[in-house]
Amino acid sequence: MAKVEVKDLRDKSVAELQSVLQGLQKDQFNNFMKKNTGQLAQHHVLKETRKNIARVKTLISEKAGL
């Protein structure tokens, strides 16, 4: 998955961000399992997904504070 654009995410509601977060967490789990079974050729995807999750969580906490 490519880098999540924060500009696009800022327009979404908290519920929509939660669904994006859930999808990213599923991707992270699937990529982790692929890595452990030797099927993941691009290891940078793990770090990228982790950072995308952090971006979405940050936006959720910012919106919750409003």
Protein backbone atom coordinates (compact mmCIF):
# COMPACT_ATOMS: atom_id res chain seq x y z
CA MET A 1 0.00 0.00 0.00
CA ALA A 2 1.25 3.45 -0.83
CA LYS A 3 1.70 6.29 1.61
CA VAL A 4 -1.60 7.54 2.95
CA GLU A 5 -2.09 11.20 2.08
CA VAL A 6 -2.97 13.20 5.17
CA LYS A 7 -4.77 15.82 3.06
CA ASP A 8 -7.25 13.18 1.95
CA LEU A 9 -7.72 11.80 5.44
CA ARG A 10 -8.41 15.17 7.08
CA ASP A 11 -11.72 15.40 5.20
CA LYS A 12 -12.98 12.08 6.59
CA SER A 13 -15.05 11.58 9.72
CA VAL A 14 -13.86 9.61 12.74
CA ALA A 15 -15.96 6.61 11.68
CA GLU A 16 -14.39 6.62 8.22
CA LEU A 17 -10.92 6.93 9.76
CA GLN A 18 -11.69 3.95 12.00
CA SER A 19 -12.53 1.85 8.95
CA VAL A 20 -9.31 2.98 7.22
CA LEU A 21 -7.40 2.06 10.38
CA GLN A 22 -9.00 -1.37 10.50
CA GLY A 23 -8.03 -2.02 6.88
CA LEU A 24 -4.44 -0.93 7.53
CA GLN A 25 -4.22 -3.20 10.56
CA LYS A 26 -5.44 -6.14 8.46
CA ASP A 27 -2.81 -5.30 5.83
CA GLN A 28 -0.15 -5.15 8.54
CA PHE A 29 -1.13 -8.56 9.89
CA ASN A 30 -1.22 -10.14 6.42
CA ASN A 31 2.17 -8.66 5.52
CA PHE A 32 3.64 -9.85 8.82
CA MET A 33 2.41 -13.38 8.14
CA LYS A 34 3.79 -13.27 4.60
CA LYS A 35 7.16 -12.11 5.96
CA ASN A 36 7.30 -14.99 8.42
CA THR A 37 6.44 -17.55 5.76
CA GLY A 38 8.97 -16.10 3.33
CA GLN A 39 6.40 -14.86 0.81
CA LEU A 40 7.01 -11.13 1.27
CA ALA A 41 9.67 -9.82 -1.10
CA GLN A 42 9.27 -6.14 -0.24
CA HIS A 43 10.10 -5.76 3.45
CA HIS A 44 9.75 -1.99 3.37
CA VAL A 45 5.97 -2.47 3.22
CA LEU A 46 5.94 -3.38 6.92
CA LYS A 47 7.50 -0.07 7.95
CA GLU A 48 5.31 1.89 5.54
CA THR A 49 2.13 0.29 6.88
CA ARG A 50 3.18 0.94 10.47
CA LYS A 51 3.71 4.63 9.69
CA ASN A 52 0.36 4.86 7.89
CA ILE A 53 -1.35 3.40 10.97
CA ALA A 54 0.35 6.06 13.10
CA ARG A 55 -0.84 8.81 10.75
CA VAL A 56 -4.43 7.64 10.94
CA LYS A 57 -4.32 7.23 14.74
CA THR A 58 -2.94 10.75 15.08
CA LEU A 59 -5.80 12.17 13.02
CA ILE A 60 -8.36 10.21 15.06
CA SER A 61 -6.96 11.60 18.31
CA GLU A 62 -6.88 15.14 16.89
CA LYS A 63 -10.52 14.90 15.87
CA ALA A 64 -11.52 13.36 19.21
CA GLY A 65 -9.92 16.29 21.01
CA LEU A 66 -12.09 18.82 19.18
